[in-house]
Amino acid sequence: MKLDSLEELYVEELRDLYNAEHQILKALPKMAKAASSPDLEKGFQEHLQQTKGQVDRLDQIFADLGKSTKGKKCEAMEGLLKEGAELLEVDAEPSVLDAALIAAAQRVEHYEIAGYGCVRTYAKLLGHSEATKLLQQTLDEERRTDEKLTELAVGSINTEAVEPEGNQAKKSPAQKAARRA
C-alpha cells in the first residue's frame, strides 16, 4: 500500500478503527458473561450498545467520503482481544478475573483513544467538519468508558481481588483482622 496524502492515511486509519470496532462487538458479550461483578457486567453491556453507535458513526463518515469500509484488518486489536480472551480460559477467583478483565478492557480503550484522537485531528485538518464532530463524540465516549473502568477498579474490584473470598477462608481470624487494620 502506498499513502500519498493525509486523506489516504485518514481513510486507512478509519478502516482500521472500523475493523477494530467490529472485533470489539464480538468480544464484549463474552466479557460481560465472564464478569462476576454486576456493575462490570452492566458496564460491558452498556459499552456494547455504545460501540454499535460508534460503528454507525463510522458508517456515516465512510458514506460521506464515498469510500468503502473494507480493506483493513486491525492486527493490534486482534492481539489485544486475544490476550483478553485468554483470561477467560484461566482458573481464577471471580474478583481477580474481574480485575484482569478491566485491565484488558482498558488496554482496548487506550488503543481506541489513540486511534480516534488521530483520525479526529486528521478530519479537522482536512476540513471534514461533520466527521470531526462525530469522531470527537466517539473519542469522548471512549474516554468516559476508560474513566468508568478505572472507577470500578479503584472503587471495589481491585480491592476485592487483593483478598478473594476463596483465600479469606484459609486465613485465621487474627490474619483477617491484621489485614483490615
C-alpha atoms as a PDB file:
ATOM      1  CA  MET A   1       0.000   0.000   0.000  1.00  0.00           C
ATOM      2  CA  LYS A   2       1.184   3.473  -0.812  1.00  0.00           C
ATOM      3  CA  LEU A   3      -0.007   6.520   1.073  1.00  0.00           C
ATOM      4  CA  ASP A   4       0.406   9.749  -0.871  1.00  0.00           C
ATOM      5  CA  SER A   5      -1.707  12.094   1.226  1.00  0.00           C
ATOM      6  CA  LEU A   6      -3.140  12.724   4.651  1.00  0.00           C
ATOM      7  CA  GLU A   7      -6.562  11.964   3.146  1.00  0.00           C
ATOM      8  CA  GLU A   8      -5.418   8.452   2.212  1.00  0.00           C
ATOM      9  CA  LEU A   9      -3.915   7.928   5.667  1.00  0.00           C
ATOM     10  CA  TYR A  10      -7.156   9.192   7.223  1.00  0.00           C
ATOM     11  CA  VAL A  11      -9.238   6.649   5.266  1.00  0.00           C
ATOM     12  CA  GLU A  12      -6.844   3.800   6.134  1.00  0.00           C
ATOM     13  CA  GLU A  13      -6.924   4.701   9.828  1.00  0.00           C
ATOM     14  CA  LEU A  14     -10.728   4.879   9.722  1.00  0.00           C
ATOM     15  CA  ARG A  15     -10.782   1.391   8.195  1.00  0.00           C
ATOM     16  CA  ASP A  16      -8.504   0.158  10.969  1.00  0.00           C
ATOM     17  CA  LEU A  17     -10.872   1.554  13.600  1.00  0.00           C
ATOM     18  CA  TYR A  18     -13.908   0.190  11.792  1.00  0.00           C
ATOM     19  CA  ASN A  19     -12.463  -3.304  11.852  1.00  0.00           C
ATOM     20  CA  ALA A  20     -11.389  -2.863  15.480  1.00  0.00           C
ATOM     21  CA  GLU A  21     -14.926  -1.863  16.496  1.00  0.00           C
ATOM     22  CA  HIS A  22     -16.360  -4.963  14.804  1.00  0.00           C
ATOM     23  CA  GLN A  23     -13.905  -7.144  16.684  1.00  0.00           C
ATOM     24  CA  ILE A  24     -14.936  -5.435  19.924  1.00  0.00           C
ATOM     25  CA  LEU A  25     -18.609  -6.072  19.148  1.00  0.00           C
ATOM     26  CA  LYS A  26     -17.838  -9.804  19.145  1.00  0.00           C
ATOM     27  CA  ALA A  27     -15.735  -9.707  22.317  1.00  0.00           C
ATOM     28  CA  LEU A  28     -17.922  -7.601  24.624  1.00  0.00           C
ATOM     29  CA  PRO A  29     -20.721 -10.166  25.142  1.00  0.00           C
ATOM     30  CA  LYS A  30     -18.127 -12.747  26.210  1.00  0.00           C
ATOM     31  CA  MET A  31     -16.528 -10.294  28.610  1.00  0.00           C
ATOM     32  CA  ALA A  32     -19.908  -9.368  30.084  1.00  0.00           C
ATOM     33  CA  LYS A  33     -20.749 -13.023  30.595  1.00  0.00           C
ATOM     34  CA  ALA A  34     -17.409 -13.684  32.312  1.00  0.00           C
ATOM     35  CA  ALA A  35     -17.719 -10.747  34.737  1.00  0.00           C
ATOM     36  CA  SER A  36     -18.819 -11.645  38.247  1.00  0.00           C
ATOM     37  CA  SER A  37     -19.377  -8.040  39.303  1.00  0.00           C
ATOM     38  CA  PRO A  38     -22.874  -6.917  38.308  1.00  0.00           C
ATOM     39  CA  ASP A  39     -21.545  -3.388  37.762  1.00  0.00           C
ATOM     40  CA  LEU A  40     -18.789  -4.622  35.466  1.00  0.00           C
ATOM     41  CA  GLU A  41     -21.202  -6.818  33.530  1.00  0.00           C
ATOM     42  CA  LYS A  42     -23.557  -3.859  33.134  1.00  0.00           C
ATOM     43  CA  GLY A  43     -20.651  -1.664  32.024  1.00  0.00           C
ATOM     44  CA  PHE A  44     -19.660  -4.137  29.307  1.00  0.00           C
ATOM     45  CA  GLN A  45     -23.278  -4.386  28.129  1.00  0.00           C
ATOM     46  CA  GLU A  46     -23.597  -0.604  28.006  1.00  0.00           C
ATOM     47  CA  HIS A  47     -20.354  -0.334  26.078  1.00  0.00           C
ATOM     48  CA  LEU A  48     -21.649  -2.902  23.599  1.00  0.00           C
ATOM     49  CA  GLN A  49     -24.583  -0.611  22.817  1.00  0.00           C
ATOM     50  CA  GLN A  50     -22.274   2.385  22.662  1.00  0.00           C
ATOM     51  CA  THR A  51     -19.953   0.555  20.267  1.00  0.00           C
ATOM     52  CA  LYS A  52     -22.872  -0.108  17.919  1.00  0.00           C
ATOM     53  CA  GLY A  53     -23.446   3.645  17.802  1.00  0.00           C
ATOM     54  CA  GLN A  54     -19.768   4.232  17.122  1.00  0.00           C
ATOM     55  CA  VAL A  55     -19.926   1.838  14.166  1.00  0.00           C
ATOM     56  CA  ASP A  56     -22.958   3.731  12.878  1.00  0.00           C
ATOM     57  CA  ARG A  57     -20.997   6.987  13.058  1.00  0.00           C
ATOM     58  CA  LEU A  58     -18.116   5.409  11.148  1.00  0.00           C
ATOM     59  CA  ASP A  59     -20.592   4.151   8.525  1.00  0.00           C
ATOM     60  CA  GLN A  60     -21.839   7.720   8.154  1.00  0.00           C
ATOM     61  CA  ILE A  61     -18.302   9.056   7.751  1.00  0.00           C
ATOM     62  CA  PHE A  62     -17.486   6.466   5.080  1.00  0.00           C
ATOM     63  CA  ALA A  63     -20.738   7.249   3.261  1.00  0.00           C
ATOM     64  CA  ASP A  64     -19.930  10.983   3.320  1.00  0.00           C
ATOM     65  CA  LEU A  65     -16.463  10.225   1.934  1.00  0.00           C
ATOM     66  CA  GLY A  66     -17.871   7.860  -0.691  1.00  0.00           C
ATOM     67  CA  LYS A  67     -15.407   5.212   0.461  1.00  0.00           C
ATOM     68  CA  SER A  68     -15.732   1.539   1.341  1.00  0.00           C
ATOM     69  CA  THR A  69     -15.176   0.300   4.881  1.00  0.00           C
ATOM     70  CA  LYS A  70     -13.363  -2.767   3.557  1.00  0.00           C
ATOM     71  CA  GLY A  71      -9.694  -3.366   3.261  1.00  0.00           C
ATOM     72  CA  LYS A  72      -8.010  -3.211   6.624  1.00  0.00           C
ATOM     73  CA  LYS A  73      -7.697  -5.732   9.428  1.00  0.00           C
ATOM     74  CA  CYS A  74      -6.765  -4.282  12.782  1.00  0.00           C
ATOM     75  CA  GLU A  75      -3.979  -6.587  13.899  1.00  0.00           C
ATOM     76  CA  ALA A  76      -3.407  -4.607  17.090  1.00  0.00           C
ATOM     77  CA  MET A  77      -6.998  -5.024  18.259  1.00  0.00           C
ATOM     78  CA  GLU A  78      -6.902  -8.690  17.350  1.00  0.00           C
ATOM     79  CA  GLY A  79      -3.877  -9.093  19.623  1.00  0.00           C
ATOM     80  CA  LEU A  80      -5.413  -7.126  22.487  1.00  0.00           C
ATOM     81  CA  LEU A  81      -8.622  -9.117  22.291  1.00  0.00           C
ATOM     82  CA  LYS A  82      -6.750 -12.409  22.031  1.00  0.00           C
ATOM     83  CA  GLU A  83      -4.960 -11.604  25.282  1.00  0.00           C
ATOM     84  CA  GLY A  84      -8.312 -10.757  26.846  1.00  0.00           C
ATOM     85  CA  ALA A  85      -9.859 -13.998  25.587  1.00  0.00           C
ATOM     86  CA  GLU A  86      -7.019 -15.978  27.148  1.00  0.00           C
ATOM     87  CA  LEU A  87      -8.164 -14.662  30.530  1.00  0.00           C
ATOM     88  CA  LEU A  88     -11.478 -16.406  30.048  1.00  0.00           C
ATOM     89  CA  GLU A  89      -9.663 -19.750  29.961  1.00  0.00           C
ATOM     90  CA  VAL A  90      -7.766 -19.183  33.217  1.00  0.00           C
ATOM     91  CA  ASP A  91      -8.899 -20.697  36.507  1.00  0.00           C
ATOM     92  CA  ALA A  92      -9.194 -17.509  38.564  1.00  0.00           C
ATOM     93  CA  GLU A  93     -11.038 -16.228  41.577  1.00  0.00           C
ATOM     94  CA  PRO A  94     -14.022 -14.210  40.285  1.00  0.00           C
ATOM     95  CA  SER A  95     -12.795 -10.889  41.689  1.00  0.00           C
ATOM     96  CA  VAL A  96      -9.310 -11.468  40.273  1.00  0.00           C
ATOM     97  CA  LEU A  97     -10.807 -12.272  36.874  1.00  0.00           C
ATOM     98  CA  ASP A  98     -12.856  -9.064  37.062  1.00  0.00           C
ATOM     99  CA  ALA A  99      -9.673  -7.081  37.777  1.00  0.00           C
ATOM    100  CA  ALA A 100      -7.981  -8.769  34.805  1.00  0.00           C
ATOM    101  CA  LEU A 101     -10.983  -8.052  32.556  1.00  0.00           C
ATOM    102  CA  ILE A 102     -10.810  -4.381  33.493  1.00  0.00           C
ATOM    103  CA  ALA A 103      -7.099  -4.265  32.671  1.00  0.00           C
ATOM    104  CA  ALA A 104      -7.738  -5.903  29.296  1.00  0.00           C
ATOM    105  CA  ALA A 105     -10.650  -3.571  28.563  1.00  0.00           C
ATOM    106  CA  GLN A 106      -8.578  -0.524  29.443  1.00  0.00           C
ATOM    107  CA  ARG A 107      -5.851  -1.590  27.016  1.00  0.00           C
ATOM    108  CA  VAL A 108      -8.540  -1.702  24.330  1.00  0.00           C
ATOM    109  CA  GLU A 109      -9.882   1.711  25.354  1.00  0.00           C
ATOM    110  CA  HIS A 110      -6.425   3.266  25.284  1.00  0.00           C
ATOM    111  CA  TYR A 111      -5.845   1.929  21.772  1.00  0.00           C
ATOM    112  CA  GLU A 112      -9.178   3.395  20.674  1.00  0.00           C
ATOM    113  CA  ILE A 113      -8.491   6.732  22.369  1.00  0.00           C
ATOM    114  CA  ALA A 114      -5.203   7.000  20.478  1.00  0.00           C
ATOM    115  CA  GLY A 115      -6.793   5.984  17.185  1.00  0.00           C
ATOM    116  CA  TYR A 116      -9.802   8.260  17.444  1.00  0.00           C
ATOM    117  CA  GLY A 117      -7.635  11.161  18.573  1.00  0.00           C
ATOM    118  CA  CYS A 118      -5.551  10.819  15.418  1.00  0.00           C
ATOM    119  CA  VAL A 119      -8.432  10.496  12.962  1.00  0.00           C
ATOM    120  CA  ARG A 120     -10.323  13.348  14.616  1.00  0.00           C
ATOM    121  CA  THR A 121      -7.257  15.553  14.121  1.00  0.00           C
ATOM    122  CA  TYR A 122      -6.887  14.410  10.506  1.00  0.00           C
ATOM    123  CA  ALA A 123     -10.556  15.125   9.840  1.00  0.00           C
ATOM    124  CA  LYS A 124     -10.187  18.603  11.272  1.00  0.00           C
ATOM    125  CA  LEU A 125      -7.059  19.332   9.204  1.00  0.00           C
ATOM    126  CA  LEU A 126      -8.769  18.024   6.063  1.00  0.00           C
ATOM    127  CA  GLY A 127     -11.837  20.213   6.602  1.00  0.00           C
ATOM    128  CA  HIS A 128     -14.271  17.360   7.321  1.00  0.00           C
ATOM    129  CA  SER A 129     -16.212  19.253   9.962  1.00  0.00           C
ATOM    130  CA  GLU A 130     -19.088  16.770  10.354  1.00  0.00           C
ATOM    131  CA  ALA A 131     -16.661  13.865  10.662  1.00  0.00           C
ATOM    132  CA  THR A 132     -14.648  15.867  13.201  1.00  0.00           C
ATOM    133  CA  LYS A 133     -17.767  16.218  15.373  1.00  0.00           C
ATOM    134  CA  LEU A 134     -18.681  12.543  15.032  1.00  0.00           C
ATOM    135  CA  LEU A 135     -15.156  11.391  15.818  1.00  0.00           C
ATOM    136  CA  GLN A 136     -14.941  13.739  18.811  1.00  0.00           C
ATOM    137  CA  GLN A 137     -18.187  12.262  20.119  1.00  0.00           C
ATOM    138  CA  THR A 138     -16.693   8.768  19.905  1.00  0.00           C
ATOM    139  CA  LEU A 139     -13.422   9.921  21.457  1.00  0.00           C
ATOM    140  CA  ASP A 140     -15.352  11.426  24.381  1.00  0.00           C
ATOM    141  CA  GLU A 141     -17.267   8.159  24.839  1.00  0.00           C
ATOM    142  CA  GLU A 142     -14.063   6.129  24.847  1.00  0.00           C
ATOM    143  CA  ARG A 143     -12.528   8.406  27.471  1.00  0.00           C
ATOM    144  CA  ARG A 144     -15.634   8.159  29.674  1.00  0.00           C
ATOM    145  CA  THR A 145     -15.587   4.368  29.355  1.00  0.00           C
ATOM    146  CA  ASP A 146     -11.955   4.306  30.435  1.00  0.00           C
ATOM    147  CA  GLU A 147     -12.808   6.534  33.415  1.00  0.00           C
ATOM    148  CA  LYS A 148     -15.718   4.254  34.399  1.00  0.00           C
ATOM    149  CA  LEU A 149     -13.450   1.220  34.244  1.00  0.00           C
ATOM    150  CA  THR A 150     -10.955   2.994  36.495  1.00  0.00           C
ATOM    151  CA  GLU A 151     -13.723   3.887  38.948  1.00  0.00           C
ATOM    152  CA  LEU A 152     -14.874   0.253  39.087  1.00  0.00           C
ATOM    153  CA  ALA A 153     -11.331  -0.975  39.574  1.00  0.00           C
ATOM    154  CA  VAL A 154     -10.354   1.523  42.245  1.00  0.00           C
ATOM    155  CA  GLY A 155     -13.769   1.640  43.891  1.00  0.00           C
ATOM    156  CA  SER A 156     -14.205  -2.045  44.624  1.00  0.00           C
ATOM    157  CA  ILE A 157     -12.984  -4.669  42.188  1.00  0.00           C
ATOM    158  CA  ASN A 158      -9.232  -4.373  42.705  1.00  0.00           C
ATOM    159  CA  THR A 159      -9.752  -4.216  46.473  1.00  0.00           C
ATOM    160  CA  GLU A 160     -11.807  -7.406  46.358  1.00  0.00           C
ATOM    161  CA  ALA A 161      -9.106  -9.043  44.244  1.00  0.00           C
ATOM    162  CA  VAL A 162      -6.492  -8.334  46.922  1.00  0.00           C
ATOM    163  CA  GLU A 163      -8.359 -10.652  49.252  1.00  0.00           C
ATOM    164  CA  PRO A 164     -10.513 -13.005  47.161  1.00  0.00           C
ATOM    165  CA  GLU A 165     -13.255 -14.795  49.086  1.00  0.00           C
ATOM    166  CA  GLY A 166     -11.712 -18.207  48.496  1.00  0.00           C
ATOM    167  CA  ASN A 167      -8.440 -17.109  50.108  1.00  0.00           C
ATOM    168  CA  GLN A 168     -10.120 -15.417  53.075  1.00  0.00           C
ATOM    169  CA  ALA A 169     -11.415 -18.742  54.350  1.00  0.00           C
ATOM    170  CA  LYS A 170      -7.839 -20.059  54.598  1.00  0.00           C
ATOM    171  CA  LYS A 171      -6.723 -17.254  56.931  1.00  0.00           C
ATOM    172  CA  SER A 172      -7.047 -17.264  60.677  1.00  0.00           C
ATOM    173  CA  PRO A 173      -9.251 -14.608  62.336  1.00  0.00           C
ATOM    174  CA  ALA A 174      -6.082 -12.840  63.519  1.00  0.00           C
ATOM    175  CA  GLN A 175      -4.706 -12.680  59.957  1.00  0.00           C
ATOM    176  CA  LYS A 176      -8.007 -11.322  58.669  1.00  0.00           C
ATOM    177  CA  ALA A 177      -8.093  -8.672  61.407  1.00  0.00           C
ATOM    178  CA  ALA A 178      -4.491  -7.684  60.709  1.00  0.00           C
ATOM    179  CA  ARG A 179      -5.291  -7.351  57.025  1.00  0.00           C
ATOM    180  CA  ARG A 180      -8.168  -4.962  57.778  1.00  0.00           C
ATOM    181  CA  ALA A 181      -6.109  -2.798  60.152  1.00  0.00           C
END
